Amino acid sequence: MQKKYFGTVVQGLGKGKEFGFQTANIELIDNKLDIENGVYVVMIELNNRTLSGMLYAGTRPTLHLRKTTIEIHIFDFNEDIYNLQISFQILHKIRDEIHFKSIENLIEQLHRDKKTVYDFLQNPNL
């Protein structure tokens, strides 16, 4: 059984929305995410619903930032969830954190990551 993490959705910089990948920025309740920086497949529980998405944990080196953040792009979801409690389980790591040469390269990779996550959710045994 995967570990379940609990947190609160907090205001971020809005870059995900700007890039076409709106994210829920998570402030963990216990502040301990015991994974390496990178992109992961996650299952989310929010308001008694189970949702899927991709999680990014890292320092956002392409944006030249240093603070570690946890952001989840929830698939097929567009609601205001600031200050709500959220929980999630990490199912699979997609890739390590990467420093991209441009925002365009980052956005192209996000599209590839999303397809990889969808493919995993359709067939987790691959």
Protein backbone atom coordinates (compact mmCIF):
# COMPACT_ATOMS: atom_id res chain seq x y z
CA MET A 1 0.00 0.00 0.00
CA GLN A 2 1.37 3.40 -0.99
CA LYS A 3 1.89 6.09 1.61
CA LYS A 4 -0.82 8.72 1.74
CA TYR A 5 0.21 12.37 2.01
CA PHE A 6 -2.03 15.10 3.41
CA GLY A 7 -1.89 18.82 2.79
CA THR A 8 -3.63 22.08 2.04
CA VAL A 9 -3.97 23.70 -1.38
CA VAL A 10 -2.16 27.06 -1.27
CA GLN A 11 -1.61 29.95 -3.67
CA GLY A 12 1.32 29.49 -6.04
CA LEU A 13 2.95 31.74 -8.63
CA GLY A 14 0.37 30.92 -11.32
CA LYS A 15 2.99 29.66 -13.77
CA GLY A 16 1.27 26.30 -14.30
CA LYS A 17 -1.91 28.04 -15.42
CA GLU A 18 0.18 30.31 -17.67
CA PHE A 19 1.73 27.20 -19.26
CA GLY A 20 -1.64 25.48 -19.79
CA PHE A 21 -1.13 23.10 -16.86
CA GLN A 22 -2.97 24.59 -13.90
CA THR A 23 -1.67 23.09 -10.67
CA ALA A 24 -2.72 22.78 -7.06
CA ASN A 25 0.24 23.84 -4.94
CA ILE A 26 0.35 21.68 -1.84
CA GLU A 27 1.62 22.59 1.61
CA LEU A 28 2.04 19.27 3.38
CA ILE A 29 0.66 18.97 6.88
CA ASP A 30 3.78 17.19 8.15
CA ASN A 31 6.14 18.86 5.61
CA LYS A 32 7.73 15.51 4.73
CA LEU A 33 7.67 14.27 1.16
CA ASP A 34 10.13 11.39 1.11
CA ILE A 35 10.65 11.17 -2.65
CA GLU A 36 13.26 12.47 -5.07
CA ASN A 37 12.53 15.57 -7.14
CA GLY A 38 10.67 14.70 -10.32
CA VAL A 39 7.30 13.96 -11.92
CA TYR A 40 4.97 11.27 -10.61
CA VAL A 41 1.60 9.63 -11.28
CA VAL A 42 -0.76 10.33 -8.38
CA MET A 43 -4.25 9.49 -7.19
CA ILE A 44 -5.90 12.35 -5.33
CA GLU A 45 -8.70 12.51 -2.81
CA LEU A 46 -10.49 15.84 -2.68
CA ASN A 47 -14.01 16.59 -1.42
CA ASN A 48 -14.91 12.88 -1.30
CA ARG A 49 -13.82 12.38 -4.93
CA THR A 50 -10.98 10.31 -6.30
CA LEU A 51 -9.08 12.03 -9.11
CA SER A 52 -5.89 11.37 -11.02
CA GLY A 53 -3.06 13.61 -12.07
CA MET A 54 0.63 14.25 -12.22
CA LEU A 55 2.69 15.60 -9.37
CA TYR A 56 5.85 17.65 -9.64
CA ALA A 57 8.17 17.94 -6.67
CA GLY A 58 11.23 20.12 -7.04
CA THR A 59 12.81 23.54 -7.23
CA ARG A 60 11.64 24.57 -10.74
CA PRO A 61 15.16 25.12 -12.13
CA THR A 62 13.89 26.29 -15.54
CA LEU A 63 12.26 29.23 -13.74
CA HIS A 64 15.50 29.83 -11.77
CA LEU A 65 13.76 29.24 -8.43
CA ARG A 66 15.23 27.47 -5.43
CA LYS A 67 12.39 26.71 -3.02
CA THR A 68 11.11 23.14 -3.24
CA THR A 69 7.44 22.98 -4.17
CA ILE A 70 4.84 20.27 -4.58
CA GLU A 71 2.37 20.85 -7.39
CA ILE A 72 -0.33 18.58 -8.76
CA HIS A 73 -1.94 18.96 -12.18
CA ILE A 74 -5.33 17.30 -11.66
CA PHE A 75 -6.68 15.83 -14.90
CA ASP A 76 -10.01 17.10 -16.25
CA PHE A 77 -10.43 19.50 -13.34
CA ASN A 78 -10.96 23.25 -13.12
CA GLU A 79 -12.29 24.33 -9.73
CA ASP A 80 -11.23 26.82 -7.08
CA ILE A 81 -9.82 24.63 -4.33
CA TYR A 82 -7.60 27.08 -2.43
CA ASN A 83 -7.38 26.33 1.30
CA LEU A 84 -9.03 22.92 0.93
CA GLN A 85 -7.56 19.74 2.38
CA ILE A 86 -6.18 17.27 -0.15
CA SER A 87 -4.59 13.87 0.08
CA PHE A 88 -2.67 11.93 -2.51
CA GLN A 89 -0.81 8.70 -3.14
CA ILE A 90 2.17 8.40 -5.45
CA LEU A 91 1.79 5.47 -7.84
CA HIS A 92 4.79 5.72 -10.15
CA LYS A 93 7.73 7.98 -11.01
CA ILE A 94 7.71 9.31 -14.59
CA ARG A 95 11.01 11.18 -14.70
CA ASP A 96 13.61 13.14 -12.75
CA GLU A 97 13.61 16.92 -12.41
CA ILE A 98 15.12 18.56 -15.51
CA HIS A 99 16.45 22.04 -16.24
CA PHE A 100 15.08 23.01 -19.64
CA LYS A 101 16.71 25.53 -21.99
CA SER A 102 13.40 27.33 -22.54
CA ILE A 103 9.83 27.56 -21.27
CA GLU A 104 8.72 26.13 -24.64
CA ASN A 105 10.85 23.02 -24.03
CA LEU A 106 9.32 22.69 -20.56
CA ILE A 107 5.76 22.94 -21.93
CA GLU A 108 6.53 20.34 -24.63
CA GLN A 109 7.81 18.00 -21.91
CA LEU A 110 4.70 18.59 -19.79
CA HIS A 111 2.56 17.40 -22.71
CA ARG A 112 4.73 14.28 -23.03
CA ASP A 113 4.54 13.72 -19.25
CA LYS A 114 0.75 13.97 -19.32
CA LYS A 115 0.55 11.36 -22.08
CA THR A 116 2.91 9.09 -20.14
CA VAL A 117 0.75 9.43 -17.02
CA TYR A 118 -2.44 8.69 -18.98
CA ASP A 119 -0.77 5.64 -20.54
CA PHE A 120 0.31 4.41 -17.10
CA LEU A 121 -3.19 4.86 -15.68
CA GLN A 122 -4.63 2.87 -18.59
CA ASN A 123 -2.12 0.04 -18.13
CA PRO A 124 -0.11 0.18 -14.89
CA ASN A 125 1.59 -3.13 -15.64
CA LEU A 126 3.66 -1.74 -18.53
